[in-house]
Every structure is written in structure tokens, then in C-alpha cells.
Amino acid sequence: YPFNPGDFFQPLGALALVGCIGSLICGWRTPAGYKVLLW
């Protein structure tokens, strides 16, 4: 098989991790109810 699904999903996972951590840091001082959406 010429392509491993991990070659597709793993970079997206890394990008999602950057988005998640960045969102948590930038939204740290938001109200608790909003922070749940980030967590």
C-alpha cells in the first residue's frame, strides 16, 4: 500500500495539539464556562 494513514493523521494531530495548547494559553483569563470549551 503506497500510503500509511498515519502519514495523514499524525501531522493533523500535531497541528491540533498546537491549536489546543495555544487556545488554552490565549483563553486562560476567560470566564470558566468559556474555558470548558477550550479544555
All heavy atoms as atom14 arrays in JSON, in Angstrom:
{
  "sequence": "YPFNPGDFFQPLGALALVGCIGSLICGWRTPAGYKVLLW",
  "atom14_mask": [
    [1, 1, 1, 1, 1, 1, 1, 1, 1, 1, 1, 1, 0, 0],
    [1, 1, 1, 1, 1, 1, 1, 0, 0, 0, 0, 0, 0, 0],
    [1, 1, 1, 1, 1, 1, 1, 1, 1, 1, 1, 0, 0, 0],
    [1, 1, 1, 1, 1, 1, 1, 1, 0, 0, 0, 0, 0, 0],
    [1, 1, 1, 1, 1, 1, 1, 0, 0, 0, 0, 0, 0, 0],
    [1, 1, 1, 1, 0, 0, 0, 0, 0, 0, 0, 0, 0, 0],
    [1, 1, 1, 1, 1, 1, 1, 1, 0, 0, 0, 0, 0, 0],
    [1, 1, 1, 1, 1, 1, 1, 1, 1, 1, 1, 0, 0, 0],
    [1, 1, 1, 1, 1, 1, 1, 1, 1, 1, 1, 0, 0, 0],
    [1, 1, 1, 1, 1, 1, 1, 1, 1, 0, 0, 0, 0, 0],
    [1, 1, 1, 1, 1, 1, 1, 0, 0, 0, 0, 0, 0, 0],
    [1, 1, 1, 1, 1, 1, 1, 1, 0, 0, 0, 0, 0, 0],
    [1, 1, 1, 1, 0, 0, 0, 0, 0, 0, 0, 0, 0, 0],
    [1, 1, 1, 1, 1, 0, 0, 0, 0, 0, 0, 0, 0, 0],
    [1, 1, 1, 1, 1, 1, 1, 1, 0, 0, 0, 0, 0, 0],
    [1, 1, 1, 1, 1, 0, 0, 0, 0, 0, 0, 0, 0, 0],
    [1, 1, 1, 1, 1, 1, 1, 1, 0, 0, 0, 0, 0, 0],
    [1, 1, 1, 1, 1, 1, 1, 0, 0, 0, 0, 0, 0, 0],
    [1, 1, 1, 1, 0, 0, 0, 0, 0, 0, 0, 0, 0, 0],
    [1, 1, 1, 1, 1, 1, 0, 0, 0, 0, 0, 0, 0, 0],
    [1, 1, 1, 1, 1, 1, 1, 1, 0, 0, 0, 0, 0, 0],
    [1, 1, 1, 1, 0, 0, 0, 0, 0, 0, 0, 0, 0, 0],
    [1, 1, 1, 1, 1, 1, 0, 0, 0, 0, 0, 0, 0, 0],
    [1, 1, 1, 1, 1, 1, 1, 1, 0, 0, 0, 0, 0, 0],
    [1, 1, 1, 1, 1, 1, 1, 1, 0, 0, 0, 0, 0, 0],
    [1, 1, 1, 1, 1, 1, 0, 0, 0, 0, 0, 0, 0, 0],
    [1, 1, 1, 1, 0, 0, 0, 0, 0, 0, 0, 0, 0, 0],
    [1, 1, 1, 1, 1, 1, 1, 1, 1, 1, 1, 1, 1, 1],
    [1, 1, 1, 1, 1, 1, 1, 1, 1, 1, 1, 0, 0, 0],
    [1, 1, 1, 1, 1, 1, 1, 0, 0, 0, 0, 0, 0, 0],
    [1, 1, 1, 1, 1, 1, 1, 0, 0, 0, 0, 0, 0, 0],
    [1, 1, 1, 1, 1, 0, 0, 0, 0, 0, 0, 0, 0, 0],
    [1, 1, 1, 1, 0, 0, 0, 0, 0, 0, 0, 0, 0, 0],
    [1, 1, 1, 1, 1, 1, 1, 1, 1, 1, 1, 1, 0, 0],
    [1, 1, 1, 1, 1, 1, 1, 1, 1, 0, 0, 0, 0, 0],
    [1, 1, 1, 1, 1, 1, 1, 0, 0, 0, 0, 0, 0, 0],
    [1, 1, 1, 1, 1, 1, 1, 1, 0, 0, 0, 0, 0, 0],
    [1, 1, 1, 1, 1, 1, 1, 1, 0, 0, 0, 0, 0, 0],
    [1, 1, 1, 1, 1, 1, 1, 1, 1, 1, 1, 1, 1, 1]
  ],
  "atom14_positions": [
    [[0.86, -1.19, 0.0], [0.0, 0.0, 0.0], [0.89, 1.24, 0.0], [1.77, 1.36, 0.85], [-0.91, -0.02, 1.23], [-2.18, 0.78, 1.05], [-3.29, 0.22, 0.46], [-2.25, 2.09, 1.47], [-4.45, 0.95, 0.29], [-3.41, 2.83, 1.3], [-4.51, 2.24, 0.71], [-5.65, 2.97, 0.54], [0.0, 0.0, 0.0], [0.0, 0.0, 0.0]],
    [[0.69, 2.16, -0.91], [1.63, 3.27, -1.07], [1.57, 4.35, 0.01], [2.44, 5.2, 0.07], [1.25, 3.86, -2.42], [-0.2, 3.53, -2.58], [-0.39, 2.2, -1.89], [0.0, 0.0, 0.0], [0.0, 0.0, 0.0], [0.0, 0.0, 0.0], [0.0, 0.0, 0.0], [0.0, 0.0, 0.0], [0.0, 0.0, 0.0], [0.0, 0.0, 0.0]],
    [[0.56, 4.33, 0.86], [0.4, 5.42, 1.81], [-0.1, 4.89, 3.14], [-1.06, 4.13, 3.18], [-0.61, 6.45, 1.26], [-0.66, 7.73, 2.03], [0.33, 8.68, 1.89], [-1.7, 7.98, 2.9], [0.29, 9.86, 2.6], [-1.75, 9.16, 3.62], [-0.75, 10.11, 3.47], [0.0, 0.0, 0.0], [0.0, 0.0, 0.0], [0.0, 0.0, 0.0]],
    [[0.54, 5.3, 4.22], [0.15, 4.89, 5.57], [-0.8, 5.95, 6.13], [-0.46, 7.14, 6.09], [1.41, 4.78, 6.43], [1.11, 4.29, 7.83], [0.05, 4.52, 8.39], [2.08, 3.6, 8.4], [0.0, 0.0, 0.0], [0.0, 0.0, 0.0], [0.0, 0.0, 0.0], [0.0, 0.0, 0.0], [0.0, 0.0, 0.0], [0.0, 0.0, 0.0]],
    [[-1.96, 5.57, 6.65], [-2.88, 6.56, 7.21], [-2.24, 7.45, 8.29], [-2.62, 8.61, 8.46], [-4.01, 5.72, 7.8], [-3.98, 4.46, 7.01], [-2.53, 4.23, 6.69], [0.0, 0.0, 0.0], [0.0, 0.0, 0.0], [0.0, 0.0, 0.0], [0.0, 0.0, 0.0], [0.0, 0.0, 0.0], [0.0, 0.0, 0.0], [0.0, 0.0, 0.0]],
    [[-1.26, 6.92, 9.0], [-0.58, 7.73, 10.0], [0.11, 8.94, 9.39], [0.23, 9.99, 10.03], [0.0, 0.0, 0.0], [0.0, 0.0, 0.0], [0.0, 0.0, 0.0], [0.0, 0.0, 0.0], [0.0, 0.0, 0.0], [0.0, 0.0, 0.0], [0.0, 0.0, 0.0], [0.0, 0.0, 0.0], [0.0, 0.0, 0.0], [0.0, 0.0, 0.0]],
    [[0.54, 8.81, 8.12], [1.17, 9.94, 7.44], [0.17, 11.08, 7.2], [0.58, 12.21, 6.96], [1.78, 9.5, 6.11], [2.91, 8.51, 6.29], [3.5, 8.46, 7.39], [3.2, 7.78, 5.33], [0.0, 0.0, 0.0], [0.0, 0.0, 0.0], [0.0, 0.0, 0.0], [0.0, 0.0, 0.0], [0.0, 0.0, 0.0], [0.0, 0.0, 0.0]],
    [[-1.09, 10.76, 7.25], [-2.15, 11.78, 7.12], [-2.58, 12.29, 8.49], [-2.64, 13.5, 8.72], [-3.35, 11.17, 6.38], [-4.55, 12.06, 6.3], [-4.6, 13.1, 5.39], [-5.65, 11.85, 7.14], [-5.72, 13.93, 5.32], [-6.76, 12.67, 7.07], [-6.79, 13.72, 6.15], [0.0, 0.0, 0.0], [0.0, 0.0, 0.0], [0.0, 0.0, 0.0]],
    [[-2.86, 11.37, 9.42], [-3.43, 11.75, 10.7], [-2.41, 12.33, 11.68], [-2.76, 13.21, 12.48], [-4.17, 10.56, 11.34], [-5.44, 10.22, 10.63], [-5.54, 9.06, 9.86], [-6.55, 11.05, 10.7], [-6.73, 8.75, 9.2], [-7.73, 10.74, 10.05], [-7.81, 9.59, 9.29], [0.0, 0.0, 0.0], [0.0, 0.0, 0.0], [0.0, 0.0, 0.0]],
    [[-1.18, 11.86, 11.67], [-0.21, 12.36, 12.66], [0.12, 13.84, 12.5], [0.14, 14.56, 13.5], [1.04, 11.48, 12.67], [0.76, 10.13, 13.3], [1.93, 9.18, 13.23], [2.93, 9.44, 12.58], [1.79, 8.05, 13.91], [0.0, 0.0, 0.0], [0.0, 0.0, 0.0], [0.0, 0.0, 0.0], [0.0, 0.0, 0.0], [0.0, 0.0, 0.0]],
    [[0.36, 14.36, 11.29], [0.58, 15.81, 11.19], [-0.64, 16.62, 11.62], [-0.5, 17.7, 12.22], [0.9, 16.03, 9.72], [1.36, 14.71, 9.22], [0.62, 13.68, 10.03], [0.0, 0.0, 0.0], [0.0, 0.0, 0.0], [0.0, 0.0, 0.0], [0.0, 0.0, 0.0], [0.0, 0.0, 0.0], [0.0, 0.0, 0.0], [0.0, 0.0, 0.0]],
    [[-1.83, 16.11, 11.34], [-3.04, 16.8, 11.79], [-3.13, 16.78, 13.31], [-3.58, 17.75, 13.93], [-4.29, 16.17, 11.17], [-4.47, 16.42, 9.68], [-5.61, 15.59, 9.14], [-4.7, 17.89, 9.4], [0.0, 0.0, 0.0], [0.0, 0.0, 0.0], [0.0, 0.0, 0.0], [0.0, 0.0, 0.0], [0.0, 0.0, 0.0], [0.0, 0.0, 0.0]],
    [[-2.69, 15.69, 13.92], [-2.65, 15.6, 15.38], [-1.7, 16.63, 15.96], [-2.0, 17.28, 16.97], [0.0, 0.0, 0.0], [0.0, 0.0, 0.0], [0.0, 0.0, 0.0], [0.0, 0.0, 0.0], [0.0, 0.0, 0.0], [0.0, 0.0, 0.0], [0.0, 0.0, 0.0], [0.0, 0.0, 0.0], [0.0, 0.0, 0.0], [0.0, 0.0, 0.0]],
    [[-0.54, 16.79, 15.34], [0.42, 17.8, 15.81], [-0.17, 19.2, 15.68], [-0.04, 20.03, 16.58], [1.73, 17.68, 15.03], [0.0, 0.0, 0.0], [0.0, 0.0, 0.0], [0.0, 0.0, 0.0], [0.0, 0.0, 0.0], [0.0, 0.0, 0.0], [0.0, 0.0, 0.0], [0.0, 0.0, 0.0], [0.0, 0.0, 0.0], [0.0, 0.0, 0.0]],
    [[-0.84, 19.45, 14.58], [-1.48, 20.75, 14.36], [-2.6, 20.98, 15.38], [-2.73, 22.08, 15.93], [-2.01, 20.82, 12.93], [-2.34, 22.19, 12.36], [-1.12, 23.11, 12.41], [-2.83, 22.04, 10.93], [0.0, 0.0, 0.0], [0.0, 0.0, 0.0], [0.0, 0.0, 0.0], [0.0, 0.0, 0.0], [0.0, 0.0, 0.0], [0.0, 0.0, 0.0]],
    [[-3.37, 19.95, 15.65], [-4.44, 20.05, 16.66], [-3.86, 20.33, 18.03], [-4.42, 21.11, 18.81], [-5.29, 18.78, 16.68], [0.0, 0.0, 0.0], [0.0, 0.0, 0.0], [0.0, 0.0, 0.0], [0.0, 0.0, 0.0], [0.0, 0.0, 0.0], [0.0, 0.0, 0.0], [0.0, 0.0, 0.0], [0.0, 0.0, 0.0], [0.0, 0.0, 0.0]],
    [[-2.74, 19.7, 18.34], [-2.1, 19.94, 19.63], [-1.65, 21.4, 19.76], [-1.87, 22.03, 20.8], [-0.91, 19.0, 19.83], [-0.18, 19.12, 21.17], [-1.12, 18.83, 22.34], [1.02, 18.18, 21.2], [0.0, 0.0, 0.0], [0.0, 0.0, 0.0], [0.0, 0.0, 0.0], [0.0, 0.0, 0.0], [0.0, 0.0, 0.0], [0.0, 0.0, 0.0]],
    [[-1.07, 21.94, 18.71], [-0.68, 23.36, 18.7], [-1.92, 24.23, 18.91], [-1.91, 25.17, 19.71], [0.04, 23.73, 17.39], [0.18, 25.24, 17.23], [1.41, 23.06, 17.33], [0.0, 0.0, 0.0], [0.0, 0.0, 0.0], [0.0, 0.0, 0.0], [0.0, 0.0, 0.0], [0.0, 0.0, 0.0], [0.0, 0.0, 0.0], [0.0, 0.0, 0.0]],
    [[-2.99, 23.91, 18.19], [-4.23, 24.68, 18.34], [-4.82, 24.58, 19.73], [-5.27, 25.58, 20.3], [0.0, 0.0, 0.0], [0.0, 0.0, 0.0], [0.0, 0.0, 0.0], [0.0, 0.0, 0.0], [0.0, 0.0, 0.0], [0.0, 0.0, 0.0], [0.0, 0.0, 0.0], [0.0, 0.0, 0.0], [0.0, 0.0, 0.0], [0.0, 0.0, 0.0]],
    [[-4.8, 23.4, 20.31], [-5.35, 23.2, 21.66], [-4.54, 23.96, 22.7], [-5.11, 24.68, 23.53], [-5.36, 21.71, 22.01], [-6.62, 20.74, 21.18], [0.0, 0.0, 0.0], [0.0, 0.0, 0.0], [0.0, 0.0, 0.0], [0.0, 0.0, 0.0], [0.0, 0.0, 0.0], [0.0, 0.0, 0.0], [0.0, 0.0, 0.0], [0.0, 0.0, 0.0]],
    [[-3.23, 23.79, 22.68], [-2.4, 24.46, 23.67], [-2.44, 25.96, 23.5], [-2.56, 26.71, 24.47], [-0.96, 23.91, 23.63], [-0.96, 22.46, 24.13], [0.0, 24.76, 24.46], [0.36, 21.74, 23.99], [0.0, 0.0, 0.0], [0.0, 0.0, 0.0], [0.0, 0.0, 0.0], [0.0, 0.0, 0.0], [0.0, 0.0, 0.0], [0.0, 0.0, 0.0]],
    [[-2.35, 26.43, 22.25], [-2.44, 27.87, 22.0], [-3.76, 28.45, 22.46], [-3.81, 29.55, 23.05], [0.0, 0.0, 0.0], [0.0, 0.0, 0.0], [0.0, 0.0, 0.0], [0.0, 0.0, 0.0], [0.0, 0.0, 0.0], [0.0, 0.0, 0.0], [0.0, 0.0, 0.0], [0.0, 0.0, 0.0], [0.0, 0.0, 0.0], [0.0, 0.0, 0.0]],
    [[-4.84, 27.73, 22.21], [-6.17, 28.19, 22.65], [-6.25, 28.27, 24.17], [-6.8, 29.23, 24.72], [-7.26, 27.25, 22.13], [-7.3, 27.22, 20.74], [0.0, 0.0, 0.0], [0.0, 0.0, 0.0], [0.0, 0.0, 0.0], [0.0, 0.0, 0.0], [0.0, 0.0, 0.0], [0.0, 0.0, 0.0], [0.0, 0.0, 0.0], [0.0, 0.0, 0.0]],
    [[-5.72, 27.27, 24.84], [-5.74, 27.27, 26.31], [-4.93, 28.44, 26.87], [-5.36, 29.12, 27.81], [-5.21, 25.95, 26.85], [-6.15, 24.77, 26.75], [-5.43, 23.47, 27.11], [-7.37, 24.98, 27.64], [0.0, 0.0, 0.0], [0.0, 0.0, 0.0], [0.0, 0.0, 0.0], [0.0, 0.0, 0.0], [0.0, 0.0, 0.0], [0.0, 0.0, 0.0]],
    [[-3.77, 28.68, 26.3], [-2.93, 29.78, 26.78], [-3.61, 31.13, 26.54], [-3.7, 31.96, 27.45], [-1.53, 29.74, 26.12], [-0.76, 28.52, 26.63], [-0.76, 31.03, 26.39], [0.51, 28.21, 25.85], [0.0, 0.0, 0.0], [0.0, 0.0, 0.0], [0.0, 0.0, 0.0], [0.0, 0.0, 0.0], [0.0, 0.0, 0.0], [0.0, 0.0, 0.0]],
    [[-4.11, 31.34, 25.34], [-4.74, 32.62, 25.0], [-6.07, 32.83, 25.73], [-6.47, 33.96, 25.98], [-4.96, 32.74, 23.5], [-3.43, 32.84, 22.57], [0.0, 0.0, 0.0], [0.0, 0.0, 0.0], [0.0, 0.0, 0.0], [0.0, 0.0, 0.0], [0.0, 0.0, 0.0], [0.0, 0.0, 0.0], [0.0, 0.0, 0.0], [0.0, 0.0, 0.0]],
    [[-6.75, 31.74, 26.03], [-8.05, 31.84, 26.7], [-7.98, 31.64, 28.2], [-9.0, 31.46, 28.86], [0.0, 0.0, 0.0], [0.0, 0.0, 0.0], [0.0, 0.0, 0.0], [0.0, 0.0, 0.0], [0.0, 0.0, 0.0], [0.0, 0.0, 0.0], [0.0, 0.0, 0.0], [0.0, 0.0, 0.0], [0.0, 0.0, 0.0], [0.0, 0.0, 0.0]],
    [[-6.78, 31.7, 28.75], [-6.59, 31.39, 30.17], [-7.39, 32.31, 31.07], [-7.87, 31.9, 32.12], [-5.1, 31.46, 30.51], [-4.81, 30.84, 31.84], [-4.51, 31.5, 32.99], [-4.83, 29.46, 32.15], [-4.32, 30.6, 34.0], [-4.51, 29.32, 33.51], [-5.08, 28.3, 31.41], [-4.43, 28.09, 34.15], [-5.0, 27.09, 32.04], [-4.69, 26.99, 33.39]],
    [[-7.55, 33.57, 30.71], [-8.24, 34.54, 31.58], [-9.7, 34.76, 31.19], [-10.29, 35.75, 31.59], [-7.48, 35.87, 31.55], [-6.13, 35.76, 32.2], [-5.5, 37.1, 32.4], [-4.25, 36.95, 33.11], [-3.16, 37.6, 32.81], [-3.16, 38.47, 31.81], [-2.06, 37.41, 33.51], [0.0, 0.0, 0.0], [0.0, 0.0, 0.0], [0.0, 0.0, 0.0]],
    [[-10.24, 33.85, 30.43], [-11.66, 33.96, 30.06], [-12.5, 33.35, 31.17], [-11.99, 32.63, 32.04], [-11.93, 33.24, 28.73], [-11.5, 31.89, 28.83], [-11.22, 33.94, 27.57], [0.0, 0.0, 0.0], [0.0, 0.0, 0.0], [0.0, 0.0, 0.0], [0.0, 0.0, 0.0], [0.0, 0.0, 0.0], [0.0, 0.0, 0.0], [0.0, 0.0, 0.0]],
    [[-13.82, 33.6, 31.16], [-14.69, 33.01, 32.18], [-14.64, 31.48, 32.17], [-14.38, 30.86, 31.14], [-16.09, 33.5, 31.79], [-15.85, 34.73, 30.98], [-14.54, 34.52, 30.28], [0.0, 0.0, 0.0], [0.0, 0.0, 0.0], [0.0, 0.0, 0.0], [0.0, 0.0, 0.0], [0.0, 0.0, 0.0], [0.0, 0.0, 0.0], [0.0, 0.0, 0.0]],
    [[-14.92, 30.9, 33.32], [-14.82, 29.43, 33.5], [-15.69, 28.67, 32.49], [-15.26, 27.65, 31.95], [-15.21, 29.04, 34.92], [0.0, 0.0, 0.0], [0.0, 0.0, 0.0], [0.0, 0.0, 0.0], [0.0, 0.0, 0.0], [0.0, 0.0, 0.0], [0.0, 0.0, 0.0], [0.0, 0.0, 0.0], [0.0, 0.0, 0.0], [0.0, 0.0, 0.0]],
    [[-16.9, 29.16, 32.23], [-17.78, 28.48, 31.28], [-17.19, 28.43, 29.88], [-17.36, 27.45, 29.16], [0.0, 0.0, 0.0], [0.0, 0.0, 0.0], [0.0, 0.0, 0.0], [0.0, 0.0, 0.0], [0.0, 0.0, 0.0], [0.0, 0.0, 0.0], [0.0, 0.0, 0.0], [0.0, 0.0, 0.0], [0.0, 0.0, 0.0], [0.0, 0.0, 0.0]],
    [[-16.49, 29.48, 29.51], [-15.86, 29.51, 28.19], [-14.62, 28.62, 28.17], [-14.35, 27.95, 27.19], [-15.47, 30.95, 27.82], [-14.91, 31.07, 26.43], [-15.74, 31.06, 25.32], [-13.54, 31.18, 26.22], [-15.23, 31.17, 24.05], [-13.01, 31.27, 24.95], [-13.86, 31.27, 23.87], [-13.34, 31.36, 22.6], [0.0, 0.0, 0.0], [0.0, 0.0, 0.0]],
    [[-13.9, 28.62, 29.27], [-12.68, 27.8, 29.35], [-12.99, 26.31, 29.15], [-12.16, 25.58, 28.6], [-12.0, 28.0, 30.7], [-10.71, 28.75, 30.6], [-10.02, 28.77, 31.93], [-10.29, 30.13, 32.51], [-9.55, 30.42, 33.71], [0.0, 0.0, 0.0], [0.0, 0.0, 0.0], [0.0, 0.0, 0.0], [0.0, 0.0, 0.0], [0.0, 0.0, 0.0]],
    [[-14.16, 25.88, 29.58], [-14.55, 24.47, 29.37], [-14.53, 24.15, 27.88], [-14.08, 23.07, 27.48], [-15.94, 24.19, 29.99], [-16.48, 22.85, 29.55], [-15.87, 24.28, 31.49], [0.0, 0.0, 0.0], [0.0, 0.0, 0.0], [0.0, 0.0, 0.0], [0.0, 0.0, 0.0], [0.0, 0.0, 0.0], [0.0, 0.0, 0.0], [0.0, 0.0, 0.0]],
    [[-14.99, 25.09, 27.07], [-15.0, 24.88, 25.62], [-13.58, 24.71, 25.08], [-13.38, 24.05, 24.05], [-15.67, 26.05, 24.9], [-17.16, 26.26, 25.18], [-17.65, 27.54, 24.51], [-17.96, 25.06, 24.71], [0.0, 0.0, 0.0], [0.0, 0.0, 0.0], [0.0, 0.0, 0.0], [0.0, 0.0, 0.0], [0.0, 0.0, 0.0], [0.0, 0.0, 0.0]],
    [[-12.61, 25.3, 25.74], [-11.22, 25.19, 25.31], [-10.56, 23.92, 25.83], [-9.65, 23.38, 25.19], [-10.42, 26.42, 25.77], [-10.96, 27.77, 25.29], [-10.13, 28.9, 25.89], [-11.0, 27.85, 23.78], [0.0, 0.0, 0.0], [0.0, 0.0, 0.0], [0.0, 0.0, 0.0], [0.0, 0.0, 0.0], [0.0, 0.0, 0.0], [0.0, 0.0, 0.0]],
    [[-11.0, 23.46, 27.01], [-10.41, 22.26, 27.61], [-10.9, 20.98, 26.95], [-10.16, 19.99, 26.9], [-10.69, 22.22, 29.11], [-9.69, 22.99, 29.9], [-9.87, 24.22, 30.45], [-8.36, 22.61, 30.22], [-8.73, 24.62, 31.1], [-7.78, 23.65, 30.97], [-7.58, 21.49, 29.95], [-6.47, 23.59, 31.44], [-6.28, 21.43, 30.41], [-5.74, 22.48, 31.15]]
  ]
}
